[in-house]
């Protein structure tokens, strides 16, 4: 796939299994998003997400399962959440890292409850910036650093702040960290396709809410 040592793969890496694992991860996130209802606490939601993962045939988790609601959507990956109950008009995101077919999946997406236009706009913004950034990366062969500089500028155009504490990372056969723990936003070369996860975590400082989207750079 690449001659860069940071992008080494294991002997058991299988591209078909890897892409199937990522697609199954996307499906689990979408399935779970339909189960969450107003009145559920974040703790209850996370328990339901864990059960959905267990029921999906997941082999193991390569990173802790994350599900954030409302005011907790601004927090970094390892921050603790405050107690929170989902409202009639609200926002939440999911970030899971299951292993299927001995390959890692990693996907995150933001969803809304109710029909608040401002929440819908915020939720869509992270996905929009992801795909805009991916297109420019492919066209201009951006480095990882340039990629995140571009995403930061796109966020500012929308009056939002890109959280630089949640950079993207390697993915691959389990565990990818044996080969590299490099962060996408710190790369000084053009990252190879089908190997790096681009994370877009936006913060609306005015309203104290966030939006998250992540997927493979294809």
C-alpha atoms as a PDB file:
ATOM      1  CA  UNK A   1       0.000   0.000   0.000  1.00  0.00           C
ATOM      2  CA  UNK A   2       2.879   2.338   0.878  1.00  0.00           C
ATOM      3  CA  UNK A   3       6.637   2.320   1.452  1.00  0.00           C
ATOM      4  CA  UNK A   4       6.440   4.651   4.478  1.00  0.00           C
ATOM      5  CA  UNK A   5       7.321   2.744   7.703  1.00  0.00           C
ATOM      6  CA  UNK A   6       4.590   4.627   9.592  1.00  0.00           C
ATOM      7  CA  UNK A   7       2.085   2.980   7.280  1.00  0.00           C
ATOM      8  CA  UNK A   8       3.312  -0.605   7.665  1.00  0.00           C
ATOM      9  CA  UNK A   9       0.683  -3.340   7.817  1.00  0.00           C
ATOM     10  CA  UNK A  10       0.683  -6.739   9.492  1.00  0.00           C
ATOM     11  CA  UNK A  11       1.106 -10.013   7.625  1.00  0.00           C
ATOM     12  CA  UNK A  12      -2.526 -10.874   8.327  1.00  0.00           C
ATOM     13  CA  UNK A  13      -3.891  -7.649   6.821  1.00  0.00           C
ATOM     14  CA  UNK A  14      -6.690  -8.312   4.331  1.00  0.00           C
ATOM     15  CA  UNK A  15      -8.141  -5.273   2.567  1.00  0.00           C
ATOM     16  CA  UNK A  16     -11.501  -6.938   1.928  1.00  0.00           C
ATOM     17  CA  UNK A  17     -11.912  -7.947   5.586  1.00  0.00           C
ATOM     18  CA  UNK A  18     -10.755  -4.500   6.672  1.00  0.00           C
ATOM     19  CA  UNK A  19     -13.298  -2.644   4.540  1.00  0.00           C
ATOM     20  CA  UNK A  20     -16.028  -5.073   5.614  1.00  0.00           C
ATOM     21  CA  UNK A  21     -15.144  -4.351   9.251  1.00  0.00           C
ATOM     22  CA  UNK A  22     -15.475  -0.617   8.646  1.00  0.00           C
ATOM     23  CA  UNK A  23     -18.808  -1.014   6.885  1.00  0.00           C
ATOM     24  CA  UNK A  24     -20.159  -3.176   9.711  1.00  0.00           C
ATOM     25  CA  UNK A  25     -19.021  -0.531  12.201  1.00  0.00           C
ATOM     26  CA  UNK A  26     -20.984   2.131  10.287  1.00  0.00           C
ATOM     27  CA  UNK A  27     -24.065  -0.096  10.345  1.00  0.00           C
ATOM     28  CA  UNK A  28     -23.879  -0.580  14.114  1.00  0.00           C
ATOM     29  CA  UNK A  29     -23.702   3.187  14.690  1.00  0.00           C
ATOM     30  CA  UNK A  30     -26.750   3.793  12.507  1.00  0.00           C
ATOM     31  CA  UNK A  31     -28.659   0.939  14.145  1.00  0.00           C
ATOM     32  CA  UNK A  32     -27.946   2.298  17.609  1.00  0.00           C
ATOM     33  CA  UNK A  33     -28.892   5.873  16.669  1.00  0.00           C
ATOM     34  CA  UNK A  34     -32.469   4.729  16.023  1.00  0.00           C
ATOM     35  CA  UNK A  35     -32.780   3.250  19.531  1.00  0.00           C
ATOM     36  CA  UNK A  36     -31.944   6.367  21.543  1.00  0.00           C
ATOM     37  CA  UNK A  37     -34.996   8.229  22.855  1.00  0.00           C
ATOM     38  CA  UNK A  38     -35.632  11.435  24.850  1.00  0.00           C
ATOM     39  CA  UNK A  39     -35.570  10.799  28.597  1.00  0.00           C
ATOM     40  CA  UNK A  40     -32.669   8.342  28.418  1.00  0.00           C
ATOM     41  CA  UNK A  41     -29.578   9.249  30.401  1.00  0.00           C
ATOM     42  CA  UNK A  42     -26.139   9.163  28.832  1.00  0.00           C
ATOM     43  CA  UNK A  43     -25.232   6.210  31.055  1.00  0.00           C
ATOM     44  CA  UNK A  44     -28.322   4.332  29.851  1.00  0.00           C
ATOM     45  CA  UNK A  45     -27.476   5.211  26.271  1.00  0.00           C
ATOM     46  CA  UNK A  46     -23.938   3.938  26.579  1.00  0.00           C
ATOM     47  CA  UNK A  47     -25.154   0.690  28.116  1.00  0.00           C
ATOM     48  CA  UNK A  48     -27.519   0.257  25.175  1.00  0.00           C
ATOM     49  CA  UNK A  49     -24.670   0.982  22.754  1.00  0.00           C
ATOM     50  CA  UNK A  50     -22.455  -1.621  24.421  1.00  0.00           C
ATOM     51  CA  UNK A  51     -25.279  -4.161  24.116  1.00  0.00           C
ATOM     52  CA  UNK A  52     -25.751  -3.290  20.438  1.00  0.00           C
ATOM     53  CA  UNK A  53     -22.040  -3.900  19.880  1.00  0.00           C
ATOM     54  CA  UNK A  54     -22.121  -7.217  21.734  1.00  0.00           C
ATOM     55  CA  UNK A  55     -25.119  -8.332  19.682  1.00  0.00           C
ATOM     56  CA  UNK A  56     -23.326  -7.429  16.428  1.00  0.00           C
ATOM     57  CA  UNK A  57     -20.791 -10.246  16.753  1.00  0.00           C
ATOM     58  CA  UNK A  58     -17.915  -7.955  17.629  1.00  0.00           C
ATOM     59  CA  UNK A  59     -14.724  -9.873  18.444  1.00  0.00           C
ATOM     60  CA  UNK A  60     -13.236  -7.251  20.781  1.00  0.00           C
ATOM     61  CA  UNK A  61     -12.938  -3.504  21.294  1.00  0.00           C
ATOM     62  CA  UNK A  62      -9.754  -1.756  20.255  1.00  0.00           C
ATOM     63  CA  UNK A  63     -10.761   1.564  21.852  1.00  0.00           C
ATOM     64  CA  UNK A  64     -13.296   2.458  24.555  1.00  0.00           C
ATOM     65  CA  UNK A  65     -16.860   2.976  23.385  1.00  0.00           C
ATOM     66  CA  UNK A  66     -17.962   6.625  23.444  1.00  0.00           C
ATOM     67  CA  UNK A  67     -21.445   8.117  23.351  1.00  0.00           C
ATOM     68  CA  UNK A  68     -21.949  11.800  24.225  1.00  0.00           C
ATOM     69  CA  UNK A  69     -25.171  13.747  24.730  1.00  0.00           C
ATOM     70  CA  UNK A  70     -25.882  17.486  24.823  1.00  0.00           C
ATOM     71  CA  UNK A  71     -23.328  19.466  26.831  1.00  0.00           C
ATOM     72  CA  UNK A  72     -20.968  16.481  26.824  1.00  0.00           C
ATOM     73  CA  UNK A  73     -20.545  16.648  23.036  1.00  0.00           C
ATOM     74  CA  UNK A  74     -17.778  19.247  23.509  1.00  0.00           C
ATOM     75  CA  UNK A  75     -15.555  16.936  25.548  1.00  0.00           C
ATOM     76  CA  UNK A  76     -12.309  15.315  24.438  1.00  0.00           C
ATOM     77  CA  UNK A  77     -12.168  11.566  23.928  1.00  0.00           C
ATOM     78  CA  UNK A  78     -10.841  10.704  27.386  1.00  0.00           C
ATOM     79  CA  UNK A  79     -12.777  13.331  29.357  1.00  0.00           C
ATOM     80  CA  UNK A  80     -15.441  12.167  31.793  1.00  0.00           C
ATOM     81  CA  UNK A  81     -19.031  13.086  30.999  1.00  0.00           C
ATOM     82  CA  UNK A  82     -21.362  14.987  33.291  1.00  0.00           C
ATOM     83  CA  UNK A  83     -24.678  13.377  34.170  1.00  0.00           C
ATOM     84  CA  UNK A  84     -27.094  14.163  31.360  1.00  0.00           C
ATOM     85  CA  UNK A  85     -30.577  13.202  30.142  1.00  0.00           C
ATOM     86  CA  UNK A  86     -31.522  13.459  26.470  1.00  0.00           C
ATOM     87  CA  UNK A  87     -34.080  16.192  25.769  1.00  0.00           C
ATOM     88  CA  UNK A  88     -36.912  16.375  23.243  1.00  0.00           C
ATOM     89  CA  UNK A  89     -34.690  18.552  21.016  1.00  0.00           C
ATOM     90  CA  UNK A  90     -31.089  17.497  21.477  1.00  0.00           C
ATOM     91  CA  UNK A  91     -27.853  16.309  19.942  1.00  0.00           C
ATOM     92  CA  UNK A  92     -25.632  13.281  20.535  1.00  0.00           C
ATOM     93  CA  UNK A  93     -22.762  11.465  18.883  1.00  0.00           C
ATOM     94  CA  UNK A  94     -21.372   7.956  18.816  1.00  0.00           C
ATOM     95  CA  UNK A  95     -17.736   6.844  18.456  1.00  0.00           C
ATOM     96  CA  UNK A  96     -16.997   3.117  18.401  1.00  0.00           C
ATOM     97  CA  UNK A  97     -13.902   1.029  17.662  1.00  0.00           C
ATOM     98  CA  UNK A  98     -14.883  -2.622  17.351  1.00  0.00           C
ATOM     99  CA  UNK A  99     -12.842  -5.432  15.803  1.00  0.00           C
ATOM    100  CA  UNK A 100     -14.483  -7.636  13.163  1.00  0.00           C
ATOM    101  CA  UNK A 101     -12.721 -10.278  11.040  1.00  0.00           C
ATOM    102  CA  UNK A 102      -9.559  -9.487  13.082  1.00  0.00           C
ATOM    103  CA  UNK A 103      -9.532  -5.970  11.603  1.00  0.00           C
ATOM    104  CA  UNK A 104     -10.306  -2.673  13.274  1.00  0.00           C
ATOM    105  CA  UNK A 105     -13.336  -0.571  12.533  1.00  0.00           C
ATOM    106  CA  UNK A 106     -13.676   3.017  13.698  1.00  0.00           C
ATOM    107  CA  UNK A 107     -16.613   5.267  12.946  1.00  0.00           C
ATOM    108  CA  UNK A 108     -18.356   8.191  14.595  1.00  0.00           C
ATOM    109  CA  UNK A 109     -21.348  10.308  13.678  1.00  0.00           C
ATOM    110  CA  UNK A 110     -23.594  12.959  15.223  1.00  0.00           C
ATOM    111  CA  UNK A 111     -27.385  12.703  15.354  1.00  0.00           C
ATOM    112  CA  UNK A 112     -30.216  14.907  16.543  1.00  0.00           C
ATOM    113  CA  UNK A 113     -33.474  14.325  18.406  1.00  0.00           C
ATOM    114  CA  UNK A 114     -36.456  16.502  17.501  1.00  0.00           C
ATOM    115  CA  UNK A 115     -36.346  19.130  14.798  1.00  0.00           C
ATOM    116  CA  UNK A 116     -34.239  22.051  15.976  1.00  0.00           C
ATOM    117  CA  UNK A 117     -32.699  23.622  12.831  1.00  0.00           C
ATOM    118  CA  UNK A 118     -29.643  24.883  14.685  1.00  0.00           C
ATOM    119  CA  UNK A 119     -28.872  21.416  16.032  1.00  0.00           C
ATOM    120  CA  UNK A 120     -29.393  19.842  12.620  1.00  0.00           C
ATOM    121  CA  UNK A 121     -27.019  22.407  11.115  1.00  0.00           C
ATOM    122  CA  UNK A 122     -24.357  21.699  13.726  1.00  0.00           C
ATOM    123  CA  UNK A 123     -24.680  17.934  13.302  1.00  0.00           C
ATOM    124  CA  UNK A 124     -24.354  18.227   9.531  1.00  0.00           C
ATOM    125  CA  UNK A 125     -21.344  20.559   9.727  1.00  0.00           C
ATOM    126  CA  UNK A 126     -18.910  17.888  10.939  1.00  0.00           C
ATOM    127  CA  UNK A 127     -19.895  15.515   8.124  1.00  0.00           C
ATOM    128  CA  UNK A 128     -19.761  18.301   5.549  1.00  0.00           C
ATOM    129  CA  UNK A 129     -16.265  19.400   6.601  1.00  0.00           C
ATOM    130  CA  UNK A 130     -15.106  15.771   6.600  1.00  0.00           C
ATOM    131  CA  UNK A 131     -16.111  15.242   2.978  1.00  0.00           C
ATOM    132  CA  UNK A 132     -14.870  18.648   1.839  1.00  0.00           C
ATOM    133  CA  UNK A 133     -11.505  18.004   3.470  1.00  0.00           C
ATOM    134  CA  UNK A 134     -11.311  14.493   2.030  1.00  0.00           C
ATOM    135  CA  UNK A 135     -11.928  15.836  -1.473  1.00  0.00           C
ATOM    136  CA  UNK A 136      -9.164  18.459  -1.168  1.00  0.00           C
ATOM    137  CA  UNK A 137      -6.773  15.875   0.314  1.00  0.00           C
ATOM    138  CA  UNK A 138      -7.301  13.651  -2.722  1.00  0.00           C
ATOM    139  CA  UNK A 139      -7.062  16.474  -5.242  1.00  0.00           C
ATOM    140  CA  UNK A 140      -4.056  18.329  -3.809  1.00  0.00           C
ATOM    141  CA  UNK A 141      -2.225  15.447  -2.071  1.00  0.00           C
ATOM    142  CA  UNK A 142      -2.223  17.282   1.264  1.00  0.00           C
ATOM    143  CA  UNK A 143      -0.012  16.193   4.137  1.00  0.00           C
ATOM    144  CA  UNK A 144      -1.691  15.276   7.405  1.00  0.00           C
ATOM    145  CA  UNK A 145      -0.758  18.664   8.851  1.00  0.00           C
ATOM    146  CA  UNK A 146      -2.100  20.535   5.808  1.00  0.00           C
ATOM    147  CA  UNK A 147      -5.266  18.464   5.908  1.00  0.00           C
ATOM    148  CA  UNK A 148      -6.068  19.622   9.431  1.00  0.00           C
ATOM    149  CA  UNK A 149      -5.075  23.207   8.673  1.00  0.00           C
ATOM    150  CA  UNK A 150      -7.653  23.148   5.897  1.00  0.00           C
ATOM    151  CA  UNK A 151     -10.327  21.619   8.164  1.00  0.00           C
ATOM    152  CA  UNK A 152      -9.609  24.253  10.819  1.00  0.00           C
ATOM    153  CA  UNK A 153     -10.158  27.038   8.296  1.00  0.00           C
ATOM    154  CA  UNK A 154     -13.398  25.443   7.080  1.00  0.00           C
ATOM    155  CA  UNK A 155     -14.686  25.280  10.654  1.00  0.00           C
ATOM    156  CA  UNK A 156     -13.895  28.955  11.215  1.00  0.00           C
ATOM    157  CA  UNK A 157     -15.923  29.871   8.129  1.00  0.00           C
ATOM    158  CA  UNK A 158     -18.929  28.345   9.895  1.00  0.00           C
ATOM    159  CA  UNK A 159     -18.239  30.142  13.177  1.00  0.00           C
ATOM    160  CA  UNK A 160     -17.081  26.892  14.763  1.00  0.00           C
ATOM    161  CA  UNK A 161     -13.838  25.663  16.311  1.00  0.00           C
ATOM    162  CA  UNK A 162     -12.078  22.476  15.287  1.00  0.00           C
ATOM    163  CA  UNK A 163     -10.880  20.540  18.317  1.00  0.00           C
ATOM    164  CA  UNK A 164      -7.205  19.835  17.622  1.00  0.00           C
ATOM    165  CA  UNK A 165      -7.083  17.444  20.593  1.00  0.00           C
ATOM    166  CA  UNK A 166      -9.006  14.880  18.562  1.00  0.00           C
ATOM    167  CA  UNK A 167      -6.718  14.290  15.586  1.00  0.00           C
ATOM    168  CA  UNK A 168      -7.174  11.316  13.320  1.00  0.00           C
ATOM    169  CA  UNK A 169      -5.008   8.196  13.503  1.00  0.00           C
ATOM    170  CA  UNK A 170      -3.952   4.921  11.928  1.00  0.00           C
ATOM    171  CA  UNK A 171      -6.260   1.978  11.462  1.00  0.00           C
ATOM    172  CA  UNK A 172      -5.693  -1.536  10.135  1.00  0.00           C
ATOM    173  CA  UNK A 173      -5.424  -5.119  11.287  1.00  0.00           C
ATOM    174  CA  UNK A 174      -5.582  -5.495  15.055  1.00  0.00           C
ATOM    175  CA  UNK A 175      -3.669  -3.979  16.745  1.00  0.00           C
ATOM    176  CA  UNK A 176      -2.486  -1.205  14.428  1.00  0.00           C
ATOM    177  CA  UNK A 177      -0.497   0.421  17.263  1.00  0.00           C
ATOM    178  CA  UNK A 178       2.150  -2.306  16.900  1.00  0.00           C
ATOM    179  CA  UNK A 179       3.120  -0.605  13.632  1.00  0.00           C
ATOM    180  CA  UNK A 180       2.466   3.042  14.438  1.00  0.00           C
ATOM    181  CA  UNK A 181       0.849   5.354  16.973  1.00  0.00           C
ATOM    182  CA  UNK A 182       1.270   8.399  14.712  1.00  0.00           C
ATOM    183  CA  UNK A 183      -1.456  11.036  14.582  1.00  0.00           C
ATOM    184  CA  UNK A 184      -2.899  12.050  11.238  1.00  0.00           C
ATOM    185  CA  UNK A 185      -2.707  15.764  12.034  1.00  0.00           C
ATOM    186  CA  UNK A 186       1.045  15.533  12.684  1.00  0.00           C
ATOM    187  CA  UNK A 187       2.081  13.817   9.433  1.00  0.00           C
ATOM    188  CA  UNK A 188       4.467  15.672   7.145  1.00  0.00           C
ATOM    189  CA  UNK A 189       3.597  13.444   4.167  1.00  0.00           C
ATOM    190  CA  UNK A 190       0.501  12.658   2.123  1.00  0.00           C
ATOM    191  CA  UNK A 191      -1.286   9.841   3.977  1.00  0.00           C
ATOM    192  CA  UNK A 192      -2.223   6.748   2.007  1.00  0.00           C
ATOM    193  CA  UNK A 193      -5.917   6.004   1.355  1.00  0.00           C
ATOM    194  CA  UNK A 194      -7.770   3.286   3.275  1.00  0.00           C
ATOM    195  CA  UNK A 195      -5.425   3.556   6.233  1.00  0.00           C
ATOM    196  CA  UNK A 196      -6.104   6.734   8.210  1.00  0.00           C
ATOM    197  CA  UNK A 197      -9.187   7.868  10.112  1.00  0.00           C
ATOM    198  CA  UNK A 198     -10.020  11.548   9.755  1.00  0.00           C
ATOM    199  CA  UNK A 199     -11.696  12.909  12.896  1.00  0.00           C
ATOM    200  CA  UNK A 200     -13.684  16.137  12.729  1.00  0.00           C
ATOM    201  CA  UNK A 201     -14.786  17.384  16.150  1.00  0.00           C
ATOM    202  CA  UNK A 202     -16.416  20.812  16.002  1.00  0.00           C
ATOM    203  CA  UNK A 203     -17.186  23.024  18.972  1.00  0.00           C
ATOM    204  CA  UNK A 204     -19.906  25.685  18.965  1.00  0.00           C
ATOM    205  CA  UNK A 205     -18.521  27.818  21.798  1.00  0.00           C
ATOM    206  CA  UNK A 206     -21.524  30.127  21.732  1.00  0.00           C
ATOM    207  CA  UNK A 207     -24.001  27.365  22.543  1.00  0.00           C
ATOM    208  CA  UNK A 208     -21.685  24.965  24.352  1.00  0.00           C
ATOM    209  CA  UNK A 209     -22.361  22.032  22.032  1.00  0.00           C
ATOM    210  CA  UNK A 210     -20.295  19.911  19.688  1.00  0.00           C
ATOM    211  CA  UNK A 211     -20.513  17.785  16.569  1.00  0.00           C
ATOM    212  CA  UNK A 212     -18.349  14.804  15.605  1.00  0.00           C
ATOM    213  CA  UNK A 213     -17.772  12.765  12.468  1.00  0.00           C
ATOM    214  CA  UNK A 214     -15.031  10.291  11.634  1.00  0.00           C
ATOM    215  CA  UNK A 215     -14.430   7.736   8.919  1.00  0.00           C
ATOM    216  CA  UNK A 216     -11.675   6.353   6.733  1.00  0.00           C
ATOM    217  CA  UNK A 217      -9.971   8.587   4.199  1.00  0.00           C
ATOM    218  CA  UNK A 218     -10.740   6.709   0.993  1.00  0.00           C
END
